[in-house]
N, C-alpha and C. Protein backbone atom coordinates (compact mmCIF):
# COMPACT_ATOMS: atom_id res chain seq x y z
N MET A 1 198.61 54.34 57.86
CA MET A 1 198.42 53.07 57.38
C MET A 1 197.66 53.23 55.54
N SER A 2 197.80 52.71 54.76
CA SER A 2 197.31 52.92 53.84
C SER A 2 195.63 52.46 53.45
N MET A 3 194.91 53.33 52.68
CA MET A 3 193.34 52.64 53.04
C MET A 3 192.70 52.27 51.21
N LEU A 4 192.28 51.33 51.89
CA LEU A 4 191.85 50.79 50.72
C LEU A 4 190.59 51.09 49.84
N VAL A 5 189.99 51.90 51.14
CA VAL A 5 188.47 52.49 50.34
C VAL A 5 188.92 53.73 50.90
N GLN A 6 188.35 55.01 50.29
CA GLN A 6 188.12 56.10 50.74
C GLN A 6 187.10 56.87 50.08
N ILE A 7 186.23 57.58 50.67
CA ILE A 7 185.00 57.78 50.71
C ILE A 7 184.95 59.36 51.51
N SER A 8 184.34 60.91 50.55
CA SER A 8 184.41 61.70 51.10
C SER A 8 183.37 62.71 50.82
N SER A 9 182.74 63.29 51.64
CA SER A 9 181.54 64.33 51.38
C SER A 9 180.83 63.78 50.12
N LEU A 10 180.41 62.38 50.31
CA LEU A 10 179.25 61.94 49.24
C LEU A 10 177.80 61.92 49.55
N THR A 11 177.40 62.53 48.37
CA THR A 11 175.51 62.82 48.51
C THR A 11 175.28 62.42 47.46
N LYS A 12 173.98 61.36 47.41
CA LYS A 12 173.41 61.37 46.57
C LYS A 12 171.81 61.22 46.28
N ARG A 13 171.00 62.11 45.37
CA ARG A 13 169.69 62.42 45.45
C ARG A 13 169.04 61.89 44.46
N TYR A 14 167.68 61.72 44.71
CA TYR A 14 166.87 60.99 43.79
C TYR A 14 165.66 62.15 43.85
N ILE A 15 164.93 61.99 42.35
CA ILE A 15 163.93 63.32 42.69
C ILE A 15 162.90 63.03 43.47
N GLY A 16 163.69 64.52 44.62
CA GLY A 16 162.83 64.64 45.66
C GLY A 16 163.42 64.32 46.90
N THR A 17 164.03 62.85 46.88
CA THR A 17 164.80 62.37 48.19
C THR A 17 165.88 62.42 47.78
N SER A 18 166.75 62.50 48.71
CA SER A 18 167.74 62.51 49.88
C SER A 18 168.58 61.27 50.28
N ALA A 19 168.95 60.60 49.50
CA ALA A 19 169.27 58.68 49.72
C ALA A 19 170.84 59.08 51.03
N LEU A 20 171.54 59.89 50.53
CA LEU A 20 172.80 60.23 51.65
C LEU A 20 173.45 61.63 51.25
N SER A 21 173.77 61.96 52.45
CA SER A 21 174.34 63.23 52.42
C SER A 21 175.62 63.57 53.47
N ASP A 22 176.44 63.90 52.91
CA ASP A 22 177.69 64.34 53.10
C ASP A 22 178.34 63.31 54.11
N ILE A 23 178.48 61.83 53.00
CA ILE A 23 178.85 60.58 53.68
C ILE A 23 180.41 60.64 53.51
N THR A 24 181.44 60.40 54.80
CA THR A 24 182.79 59.70 54.63
C THR A 24 182.85 58.51 54.84
N LEU A 25 183.73 58.15 54.59
CA LEU A 25 183.93 56.28 54.81
C LEU A 25 185.66 56.42 54.15
N GLU A 26 186.27 55.89 55.66
CA GLU A 26 187.68 55.40 55.48
C GLU A 26 187.52 53.72 55.97
N VAL A 27 187.97 52.84 54.44
CA VAL A 27 188.64 51.27 55.49
C VAL A 27 189.69 50.96 55.31
N PRO A 28 190.91 51.23 56.03
CA PRO A 28 191.88 50.77 56.01
C PRO A 28 192.69 49.24 55.67
N GLU A 29 193.41 48.92 54.97
CA GLU A 29 193.80 48.15 54.17
C GLU A 29 194.09 47.08 55.26
N GLY A 30 193.77 46.17 54.96
CA GLY A 30 193.38 44.53 56.02
C GLY A 30 192.23 44.57 56.95
N HIS A 31 191.66 45.65 56.77
CA HIS A 31 189.99 45.10 57.81
C HIS A 31 188.90 44.85 56.80
N ILE A 32 187.78 44.08 57.89
CA ILE A 32 186.80 43.62 57.06
C ILE A 32 186.00 44.83 57.31
N MET A 33 184.71 44.45 56.50
CA MET A 33 183.23 45.99 56.66
C MET A 33 182.35 44.79 55.87
N GLY A 34 181.36 45.21 56.96
CA GLY A 34 180.06 44.72 55.97
C GLY A 34 179.28 45.56 56.14
N LEU A 35 178.49 45.86 55.08
CA LEU A 35 177.15 46.82 54.86
C LEU A 35 175.97 45.91 54.78
N LEU A 36 174.60 46.10 56.03
CA LEU A 36 173.66 45.42 56.35
C LEU A 36 172.84 46.63 56.04
N GLY A 37 171.42 45.84 55.70
CA GLY A 37 170.46 46.67 55.53
C GLY A 37 169.26 45.27 54.65
N PRO A 38 167.94 46.00 54.72
CA PRO A 38 167.12 45.01 54.34
C PRO A 38 167.08 44.77 52.65
N ASN A 39 166.49 43.50 52.19
CA ASN A 39 166.38 43.36 50.53
C ASN A 39 165.93 44.55 49.53
N GLY A 40 166.55 44.76 48.81
CA GLY A 40 165.79 46.05 48.16
C GLY A 40 166.41 46.78 48.56
N SER A 41 167.22 47.57 49.48
CA SER A 41 167.24 48.98 50.10
C SER A 41 168.42 49.52 49.11
N GLY A 42 169.32 48.76 48.27
CA GLY A 42 170.39 49.60 47.43
C GLY A 42 171.71 49.01 48.12
N LYS A 43 172.12 48.23 48.71
CA LYS A 43 173.00 48.25 49.41
C LYS A 43 174.45 47.96 48.13
N THR A 44 173.56 47.24 47.18
CA THR A 44 175.28 47.01 45.82
C THR A 44 175.51 48.02 45.10
């Protein structure tokens, strides 16, 4: 199956803070995914 989104080993750091560490994500074509979190948490 073809991947619509594929992320491998993603890391994001802000000064003194690790926001994401070694994230891997695959979303196959035809699947629906949602990202939930509180307002102001950086979902966009």
